Amino acid sequence: NSTTNGRTQYPVVADPEGFDLNQAFVKYASGPVTVT
């Protein structure tokens, strides 16, 4: 049961299939300060 595949007759393994954008960021660093 991945929590999205509907196979509730099995215990959960929370690894759904599919694409995901994990990170997409802009980082600005000036001296001791960083803004992300």
ModelCIF file with pLDDT and N, C-alpha, C, O atoms, coordinates in Angstrom:
data_MODEL
#
_entry.id   MODEL 
#
_entity.id                         1 
_entity.type                       polymer 
_entity.pdbx_number_of_molecules   1 
#
_entity_poly.entity_id                      1 
_entity_poly.type                           'polypeptide(L)' 
_entity_poly.nstd_linkage                   no 
_entity_poly.nstd_monomer                   no 
_entity_poly.pdbx_seq_one_letter_code       NSTTNGRTQYPVVADPEGFDLNQAFVKYASGPVTVT 
_entity_poly.pdbx_seq_one_letter_code_can   NSTTNGRTQYPVVADPEGFDLNQAFVKYASGPVTVT 
_entity_poly.pdbx_strand_id                 A 
#
loop_
_entity_poly_seq.entity_id 
_entity_poly_seq.num 
_entity_poly_seq.mon_id 
_entity_poly_seq.hetero 
1 1  ASN n 
1 2  SER n 
1 3  THR n 
1 4  THR n 
1 5  ASN n 
1 6  GLY n 
1 7  ARG n 
1 8  THR n 
1 9  GLN n 
1 10 TYR n 
1 11 PRO n 
1 12 VAL n 
1 13 VAL n 
1 14 ALA n 
1 15 ASP n 
1 16 PRO n 
1 17 GLU n 
1 18 GLY n 
1 19 PHE n 
1 20 ASP n 
1 21 LEU n 
1 22 ASN n 
1 23 GLN n 
1 24 ALA n 
1 25 PHE n 
1 26 VAL n 
1 27 LYS n 
1 28 TYR n 
1 29 ALA n 
1 30 SER n 
1 31 GLY n 
1 32 PRO n 
1 33 VAL n 
1 34 THR n 
1 35 VAL n 
1 36 THR n 
#
_struct_asym.id          A 
_struct_asym.entity_id   1 
#
loop_
_ma_qa_metric.id 
_ma_qa_metric.mode 
_ma_qa_metric.name 
_ma_qa_metric.software_group_id 
_ma_qa_metric.type 
1 global pLDDT . pLDDT 
2 local  pLDDT . pLDDT 
#
_ma_qa_metric_global.metric_id      1 
_ma_qa_metric_global.metric_value   96.44 
_ma_qa_metric_global.model_id       1 
_ma_qa_metric_global.ordinal_id     1 
#
loop_
_ma_qa_metric_local.label_asym_id 
_ma_qa_metric_local.label_comp_id 
_ma_qa_metric_local.label_seq_id 
_ma_qa_metric_local.metric_id 
_ma_qa_metric_local.metric_value 
_ma_qa_metric_local.model_id 
_ma_qa_metric_local.ordinal_id 
A ASN 1  2 97.00 1 1  
A SER 2  2 96.00 1 2  
A THR 3  2 96.00 1 3  
A THR 4  2 95.00 1 4  
A ASN 5  2 94.00 1 5  
A GLY 6  2 94.00 1 6  
A ARG 7  2 96.00 1 7  
A THR 8  2 96.00 1 8  
A GLN 9  2 97.00 1 9  
A TYR 10 2 98.00 1 10 
A PRO 11 2 98.00 1 11 
A VAL 12 2 97.00 1 12 
A VAL 13 2 98.00 1 13 
A ALA 14 2 97.00 1 14 
A ASP 15 2 97.00 1 15 
A PRO 16 2 96.00 1 16 
A GLU 17 2 95.00 1 17 
A GLY 18 2 94.00 1 18 
A PHE 19 2 95.00 1 19 
A ASP 20 2 95.00 1 20 
A LEU 21 2 96.00 1 21 
A ASN 22 2 97.00 1 22 
A GLN 23 2 98.00 1 23 
A ALA 24 2 98.00 1 24 
A PHE 25 2 98.00 1 25 
A VAL 26 2 97.00 1 26 
A LYS 27 2 98.00 1 27 
A TYR 28 2 97.00 1 28 
A ALA 29 2 96.00 1 29 
A SER 30 2 95.00 1 30 
A GLY 31 2 94.00 1 31 
A PRO 32 2 96.00 1 32 
A VAL 33 2 97.00 1 33 
A THR 34 2 98.00 1 34 
A VAL 35 2 98.00 1 35 
A THR 36 2 98.00 1 36 
#
loop_
_atom_site.group_PDB 
_atom_site.id 
_atom_site.type_symbol 
_atom_site.label_atom_id 
_atom_site.label_alt_id 
_atom_site.label_comp_id 
_atom_site.label_asym_id 
_atom_site.label_entity_id 
_atom_site.label_seq_id 
_atom_site.pdbx_PDB_ins_code 
_atom_site.Cartn_x 
_atom_site.Cartn_y 
_atom_site.Cartn_z 
_atom_site.occupancy 
_atom_site.B_iso_or_equiv 
_atom_site.pdbx_formal_charge 
_atom_site.auth_seq_id 
_atom_site.auth_comp_id 
_atom_site.auth_asym_id 
_atom_site.auth_atom_id 
_atom_site.pdbx_PDB_model_num 
ATOM 1   N N  . ASN A 1 1  ? 0.854  -1.179 0.000   1.00 97.00 ? 1  ASN A N  1 
ATOM 2   C CA . ASN A 1 1  ? 0.000  0.000  0.000   1.00 97.00 ? 1  ASN A CA 1 
ATOM 3   C C  . ASN A 1 1  ? 0.895  1.235  0.000   1.00 97.00 ? 1  ASN A C  1 
ATOM 4   O O  . ASN A 1 1  ? 1.489  1.578  1.022   1.00 97.00 ? 1  ASN A O  1 
ATOM 5   N N  . SER A 1 2  ? 0.988  1.900  -1.150  1.00 96.00 ? 2  SER A N  1 
ATOM 6   C CA . SER A 1 2  ? 1.862  3.072  -1.266  1.00 96.00 ? 2  SER A CA 1 
ATOM 7   C C  . SER A 1 2  ? 1.204  4.332  -0.716  1.00 96.00 ? 2  SER A C  1 
ATOM 8   O O  . SER A 1 2  ? 1.841  5.384  -0.681  1.00 96.00 ? 2  SER A O  1 
ATOM 9   N N  . THR A 1 3  ? -0.045 4.253  -0.290  1.00 96.00 ? 3  THR A N  1 
ATOM 10  C CA . THR A 1 3  ? -0.947 5.327  0.148   1.00 96.00 ? 3  THR A CA 1 
ATOM 11  C C  . THR A 1 3  ? -1.647 5.996  -1.030  1.00 96.00 ? 3  THR A C  1 
ATOM 12  O O  . THR A 1 3  ? -2.556 6.800  -0.824  1.00 96.00 ? 3  THR A O  1 
ATOM 13  N N  . THR A 1 4  ? -1.236 5.676  -2.280  1.00 95.00 ? 4  THR A N  1 
ATOM 14  C CA . THR A 1 4  ? -1.913 6.240  -3.450  1.00 95.00 ? 4  THR A CA 1 
ATOM 15  C C  . THR A 1 4  ? -2.445 5.169  -4.399  1.00 95.00 ? 4  THR A C  1 
ATOM 16  O O  . THR A 1 4  ? -3.245 5.476  -5.283  1.00 95.00 ? 4  THR A O  1 
ATOM 17  N N  . ASN A 1 5  ? -2.013 3.912  -4.230  1.00 94.00 ? 5  ASN A N  1 
ATOM 18  C CA . ASN A 1 5  ? -2.384 2.879  -5.200  1.00 94.00 ? 5  ASN A CA 1 
ATOM 19  C C  . ASN A 1 5  ? -3.629 2.087  -4.820  1.00 94.00 ? 5  ASN A C  1 
ATOM 20  O O  . ASN A 1 5  ? -4.055 1.216  -5.579  1.00 94.00 ? 5  ASN A O  1 
ATOM 21  N N  . GLY A 1 6  ? -4.224 2.370  -3.658  1.00 94.00 ? 6  GLY A N  1 
ATOM 22  C CA . GLY A 1 6  ? -5.467 1.725  -3.258  1.00 94.00 ? 6  GLY A CA 1 
ATOM 23  C C  . GLY A 1 6  ? -5.344 0.290  -2.782  1.00 94.00 ? 6  GLY A C  1 
ATOM 24  O O  . GLY A 1 6  ? -6.363 -0.364 -2.561  1.00 94.00 ? 6  GLY A O  1 
ATOM 25  N N  . ARG A 1 7  ? -4.119 -0.226 -2.614  1.00 96.00 ? 7  ARG A N  1 
ATOM 26  C CA . ARG A 1 7  ? -3.943 -1.630 -2.214  1.00 96.00 ? 7  ARG A CA 1 
ATOM 27  C C  . ARG A 1 7  ? -3.933 -1.751 -0.688  1.00 96.00 ? 7  ARG A C  1 
ATOM 28  O O  . ARG A 1 7  ? -2.917 -2.080 -0.075  1.00 96.00 ? 7  ARG A O  1 
ATOM 29  N N  . THR A 1 8  ? -5.077 -1.478 -0.109  1.00 96.00 ? 8  THR A N  1 
ATOM 30  C CA . THR A 1 8  ? -5.195 -1.410 1.344   1.00 96.00 ? 8  THR A CA 1 
ATOM 31  C C  . THR A 1 8  ? -5.206 -2.784 2.006   1.00 96.00 ? 8  THR A C  1 
ATOM 32  O O  . THR A 1 8  ? -5.220 -2.874 3.234   1.00 96.00 ? 8  THR A O  1 
ATOM 33  N N  . GLN A 1 9  ? -5.199 -3.862 1.210   1.00 97.00 ? 9  GLN A N  1 
ATOM 34  C CA . GLN A 1 9  ? -5.116 -5.198 1.807   1.00 97.00 ? 9  GLN A CA 1 
ATOM 35  C C  . GLN A 1 9  ? -3.692 -5.501 2.301   1.00 97.00 ? 9  GLN A C  1 
ATOM 36  O O  . GLN A 1 9  ? -3.454 -6.507 2.971   1.00 97.00 ? 9  GLN A O  1 
ATOM 37  N N  . TYR A 1 10 ? -2.753 -4.607 1.954   1.00 98.00 ? 10 TYR A N  1 
ATOM 38  C CA . TYR A 1 10 ? -1.358 -4.786 2.374   1.00 98.00 ? 10 TYR A CA 1 
ATOM 39  C C  . TYR A 1 10 ? -0.959 -3.690 3.366   1.00 98.00 ? 10 TYR A C  1 
ATOM 40  O O  . TYR A 1 10 ? -1.571 -2.622 3.384   1.00 98.00 ? 10 TYR A O  1 
ATOM 41  N N  . PRO A 1 11 ? 0.058  -3.946 4.190   1.00 98.00 ? 11 PRO A N  1 
ATOM 42  C CA . PRO A 1 11 ? 0.608  -2.880 5.033   1.00 98.00 ? 11 PRO A CA 1 
ATOM 43  C C  . PRO A 1 11 ? 1.192  -1.753 4.180   1.00 98.00 ? 11 PRO A C  1 
ATOM 44  O O  . PRO A 1 11 ? 1.468  -1.932 2.994   1.00 98.00 ? 11 PRO A O  1 
ATOM 45  N N  . VAL A 1 12 ? 1.372  -0.595 4.808   1.00 97.00 ? 12 VAL A N  1 
ATOM 46  C CA . VAL A 1 12 ? 1.851  0.591  4.106   1.00 97.00 ? 12 VAL A CA 1 
ATOM 47  C C  . VAL A 1 12 ? 3.361  0.553  3.917   1.00 97.00 ? 12 VAL A C  1 
ATOM 48  O O  . VAL A 1 12 ? 4.110  0.269  4.852   1.00 97.00 ? 12 VAL A O  1 
ATOM 49  N N  . VAL A 1 13 ? 3.790  0.839  2.714   1.00 98.00 ? 13 VAL A N  1 
ATOM 50  C CA . VAL A 1 13 ? 5.168  1.212  2.396   1.00 98.00 ? 13 VAL A CA 1 
ATOM 51  C C  . VAL A 1 13 ? 5.042  2.535  1.651   1.00 98.00 ? 13 VAL A C  1 
ATOM 52  O O  . VAL A 1 13 ? 4.668  2.553  0.478   1.00 98.00 ? 13 VAL A O  1 
ATOM 53  N N  . ALA A 1 14 ? 5.349  3.632  2.319   1.00 97.00 ? 14 ALA A N  1 
ATOM 54  C CA . ALA A 1 14 ? 4.995  4.972  1.822   1.00 97.00 ? 14 ALA A CA 1 
ATOM 55  C C  . ALA A 1 14 ? 5.976  5.458  0.761   1.00 97.00 ? 14 ALA A C  1 
ATOM 56  O O  . ALA A 1 14 ? 6.716  6.418  0.975   1.00 97.00 ? 14 ALA A O  1 
ATOM 57  N N  . ASP A 1 15 ? 5.970  4.779  -0.385  1.00 97.00 ? 15 ASP A N  1 
ATOM 58  C CA . ASP A 1 15 ? 6.811  5.156  -1.522  1.00 97.00 ? 15 ASP A CA 1 
ATOM 59  C C  . ASP A 1 15 ? 5.962  5.209  -2.793  1.00 97.00 ? 15 ASP A C  1 
ATOM 60  O O  . ASP A 1 15 ? 6.053  4.314  -3.633  1.00 97.00 ? 15 ASP A O  1 
ATOM 61  N N  . PRO A 1 16 ? 5.131  6.259  -2.942  1.00 96.00 ? 16 PRO A N  1 
ATOM 62  C CA . PRO A 1 16 ? 4.302  6.368  -4.149  1.00 96.00 ? 16 PRO A CA 1 
ATOM 63  C C  . PRO A 1 16 ? 5.161  6.549  -5.395  1.00 96.00 ? 16 PRO A C  1 
ATOM 64  O O  . PRO A 1 16 ? 6.247  7.128  -5.344  1.00 96.00 ? 16 PRO A O  1 
ATOM 65  N N  . GLU A 1 17 ? 4.650  6.041  -6.516  1.00 95.00 ? 17 GLU A N  1 
ATOM 66  C CA . GLU A 1 17 ? 5.355  6.161  -7.783  1.00 95.00 ? 17 GLU A CA 1 
ATOM 67  C C  . GLU A 1 17 ? 5.050  7.505  -8.422  1.00 95.00 ? 17 GLU A C  1 
ATOM 68  O O  . GLU A 1 17 ? 3.927  8.001  -8.326  1.00 95.00 ? 17 GLU A O  1 
ATOM 69  N N  . GLY A 1 18 ? 6.052  8.100  -9.080  1.00 94.00 ? 18 GLY A N  1 
ATOM 70  C CA . GLY A 1 18 ? 5.810  9.317  -9.827  1.00 94.00 ? 18 GLY A CA 1 
ATOM 71  C C  . GLY A 1 18 ? 6.963  10.296 -9.768  1.00 94.00 ? 18 GLY A C  1 
ATOM 72  O O  . GLY A 1 18 ? 7.938  10.092 -9.045  1.00 94.00 ? 18 GLY A O  1 
ATOM 73  N N  . PHE A 1 19 ? 6.834  11.369 -10.547 1.00 95.00 ? 19 PHE A N  1 
ATOM 74  C CA . PHE A 1 19 ? 7.840  12.429 -10.644 1.00 95.00 ? 19 PHE A CA 1 
ATOM 75  C C  . PHE A 1 19 ? 7.561  13.506 -9.608  1.00 95.00 ? 19 PHE A C  1 
ATOM 76  O O  . PHE A 1 19 ? 6.404  13.827 -9.335  1.00 95.00 ? 19 PHE A O  1 
ATOM 77  N N  . ASP A 1 20 ? 8.626  14.069 -9.027  1.00 95.00 ? 20 ASP A N  1 
ATOM 78  C CA . ASP A 1 20 ? 8.457  15.180 -8.104  1.00 95.00 ? 20 ASP A CA 1 
ATOM 79  C C  . ASP A 1 20 ? 9.632  16.142 -8.248  1.00 95.00 ? 20 ASP A C  1 
ATOM 80  O O  . ASP A 1 20 ? 10.783 15.721 -8.365  1.00 95.00 ? 20 ASP A O  1 
ATOM 81  N N  . LEU A 1 21 ? 9.331  17.415 -8.237  1.00 96.00 ? 21 LEU A N  1 
ATOM 82  C CA . LEU A 1 21 ? 10.362 18.444 -8.211  1.00 96.00 ? 21 LEU A CA 1 
ATOM 83  C C  . LEU A 1 21 ? 10.784 18.619 -6.764  1.00 96.00 ? 21 LEU A C  1 
ATOM 84  O O  . LEU A 1 21 ? 10.059 19.216 -5.969  1.00 96.00 ? 21 LEU A O  1 
ATOM 85  N N  . ASN A 1 22 ? 11.948 18.104 -6.422  1.00 97.00 ? 22 ASN A N  1 
ATOM 86  C CA . ASN A 1 22 ? 12.389 18.069 -5.039  1.00 97.00 ? 22 ASN A CA 1 
ATOM 87  C C  . ASN A 1 22 ? 12.891 19.431 -4.570  1.00 97.00 ? 22 ASN A C  1 
ATOM 88  O O  . ASN A 1 22 ? 12.611 19.853 -3.448  1.00 97.00 ? 22 ASN A O  1 
ATOM 89  N N  . GLN A 1 23 ? 13.639 20.117 -5.442  1.00 98.00 ? 23 GLN A N  1 
ATOM 90  C CA . GLN A 1 23 ? 14.143 21.446 -5.121  1.00 98.00 ? 23 GLN A CA 1 
ATOM 91  C C  . GLN A 1 23 ? 14.131 22.324 -6.372  1.00 98.00 ? 23 GLN A C  1 
ATOM 92  O O  . GLN A 1 23 ? 14.321 21.830 -7.484  1.00 98.00 ? 23 GLN A O  1 
ATOM 93  N N  . ALA A 1 24 ? 13.910 23.613 -6.192  1.00 98.00 ? 24 ALA A N  1 
ATOM 94  C CA . ALA A 1 24 ? 14.020 24.613 -7.260  1.00 98.00 ? 24 ALA A CA 1 
ATOM 95  C C  . ALA A 1 24 ? 14.120 25.961 -6.559  1.00 98.00 ? 24 ALA A C  1 
ATOM 96  O O  . ALA A 1 24 ? 13.106 26.518 -6.137  1.00 98.00 ? 24 ALA A O  1 
ATOM 97  N N  . PHE A 1 25 ? 15.331 26.487 -6.431  1.00 98.00 ? 25 PHE A N  1 
ATOM 98  C CA . PHE A 1 25 ? 15.527 27.654 -5.580  1.00 98.00 ? 25 PHE A CA 1 
ATOM 99  C C  . PHE A 1 25 ? 16.509 28.650 -6.191  1.00 98.00 ? 25 PHE A C  1 
ATOM 100 O O  . PHE A 1 25 ? 17.317 28.322 -7.059  1.00 98.00 ? 25 PHE A O  1 
ATOM 101 N N  . VAL A 1 26 ? 16.401 29.870 -5.700  1.00 97.00 ? 26 VAL A N  1 
ATOM 102 C CA . VAL A 1 26 ? 17.361 30.937 -5.959  1.00 97.00 ? 26 VAL A CA 1 
ATOM 103 C C  . VAL A 1 26 ? 17.991 31.313 -4.622  1.00 97.00 ? 26 VAL A C  1 
ATOM 104 O O  . VAL A 1 26 ? 17.288 31.544 -3.639  1.00 97.00 ? 26 VAL A O  1 
ATOM 105 N N  . LYS A 1 27 ? 19.327 31.373 -4.593  1.00 98.00 ? 27 LYS A N  1 
ATOM 106 C CA . LYS A 1 27 ? 20.038 31.681 -3.358  1.00 98.00 ? 27 LYS A CA 1 
ATOM 107 C C  . LYS A 1 27 ? 20.878 32.941 -3.549  1.00 98.00 ? 27 LYS A C  1 
ATOM 108 O O  . LYS A 1 27 ? 21.615 33.077 -4.526  1.00 98.00 ? 27 LYS A O  1 
ATOM 109 N N  . TYR A 1 28 ? 20.749 33.849 -2.599  1.00 97.00 ? 28 TYR A N  1 
ATOM 110 C CA . TYR A 1 28 ? 21.492 35.112 -2.621  1.00 97.00 ? 28 TYR A CA 1 
ATOM 111 C C  . TYR A 1 28 ? 22.355 35.169 -1.362  1.00 97.00 ? 28 TYR A C  1 
ATOM 112 O O  . TYR A 1 28 ? 21.832 35.079 -0.251  1.00 97.00 ? 28 TYR A O  1 
ATOM 113 N N  . ALA A 1 29 ? 23.667 35.318 -1.523  1.00 96.00 ? 29 ALA A N  1 
ATOM 114 C CA . ALA A 1 29 ? 24.590 35.340 -0.394  1.00 96.00 ? 29 ALA A CA 1 
ATOM 115 C C  . ALA A 1 29 ? 25.361 36.649 -0.387  1.00 96.00 ? 29 ALA A C  1 
ATOM 116 O O  . ALA A 1 29 ? 25.951 37.040 -1.394  1.00 96.00 ? 29 ALA A O  1 
ATOM 117 N N  . SER A 1 30 ? 25.350 37.324 0.759   1.00 95.00 ? 30 SER A N  1 
ATOM 118 C CA . SER A 1 30 ? 26.088 38.572 0.929   1.00 95.00 ? 30 SER A CA 1 
ATOM 119 C C  . SER A 1 30 ? 26.694 38.592 2.319   1.00 95.00 ? 30 SER A C  1 
ATOM 120 O O  . SER A 1 30 ? 25.982 38.753 3.310   1.00 95.00 ? 30 SER A O  1 
ATOM 121 N N  . GLY A 1 31 ? 28.003 38.431 2.392   1.00 94.00 ? 31 GLY A N  1 
ATOM 122 C CA . GLY A 1 31 ? 28.658 38.394 3.688   1.00 94.00 ? 31 GLY A CA 1 
ATOM 123 C C  . GLY A 1 31 ? 28.136 37.248 4.530   1.00 94.00 ? 31 GLY A C  1 
ATOM 124 O O  . GLY A 1 31 ? 28.099 36.106 4.070   1.00 94.00 ? 31 GLY A O  1 
ATOM 125 N N  . PRO A 1 32 ? 27.731 37.539 5.764   1.00 96.00 ? 32 PRO A N  1 
ATOM 126 C CA . PRO A 1 32 ? 27.245 36.460 6.636   1.00 96.00 ? 32 PRO A CA 1 
ATOM 127 C C  . PRO A 1 32 ? 25.795 36.070 6.403   1.00 96.00 ? 32 PRO A C  1 
ATOM 128 O O  . PRO A 1 32 ? 25.296 35.152 7.055   1.00 96.00 ? 32 PRO A O  1 
ATOM 129 N N  . VAL A 1 33 ? 25.099 36.751 5.479   1.00 97.00 ? 33 VAL A N  1 
ATOM 130 C CA . VAL A 1 33 ? 23.661 36.533 5.285   1.00 97.00 ? 33 VAL A CA 1 
ATOM 131 C C  . VAL A 1 33 ? 23.402 35.788 3.975   1.00 97.00 ? 33 VAL A C  1 
ATOM 132 O O  . VAL A 1 33 ? 23.969 36.117 2.933   1.00 97.00 ? 33 VAL A O  1 
ATOM 133 N N  . THR A 1 34 ? 22.539 34.785 4.051   1.00 98.00 ? 34 THR A N  1 
ATOM 134 C CA . THR A 1 34 ? 22.096 34.043 2.873   1.00 98.00 ? 34 THR A CA 1 
ATOM 135 C C  . THR A 1 34 ? 20.576 34.025 2.846   1.00 98.00 ? 34 THR A C  1 
ATOM 136 O O  . THR A 1 34 ? 19.930 33.740 3.854   1.00 98.00 ? 34 THR A O  1 
ATOM 137 N N  . VAL A 1 35 ? 20.010 34.333 1.681   1.00 98.00 ? 35 VAL A N  1 
ATOM 138 C CA . VAL A 1 35 ? 18.559 34.277 1.487   1.00 98.00 ? 35 VAL A CA 1 
ATOM 139 C C  . VAL A 1 35 ? 18.267 33.243 0.409   1.00 98.00 ? 35 VAL A C  1 
ATOM 140 O O  . VAL A 1 35 ? 18.798 33.325 -0.698  1.00 98.00 ? 35 VAL A O  1 
ATOM 141 N N  . THR A 1 36 ? 17.423 32.273 0.734   1.00 98.00 ? 36 THR A N  1 
ATOM 142 C CA . THR A 1 36 ? 17.041 31.234 -0.226  1.00 98.00 ? 36 THR A CA 1 
ATOM 143 C C  . THR A 1 36 ? 15.528 31.257 -0.384  1.00 98.00 ? 36 THR A C  1 
ATOM 144 O O  . THR A 1 36 ? 14.975 30.465 -1.147  1.00 98.00 ? 36 THR A O  1 
#
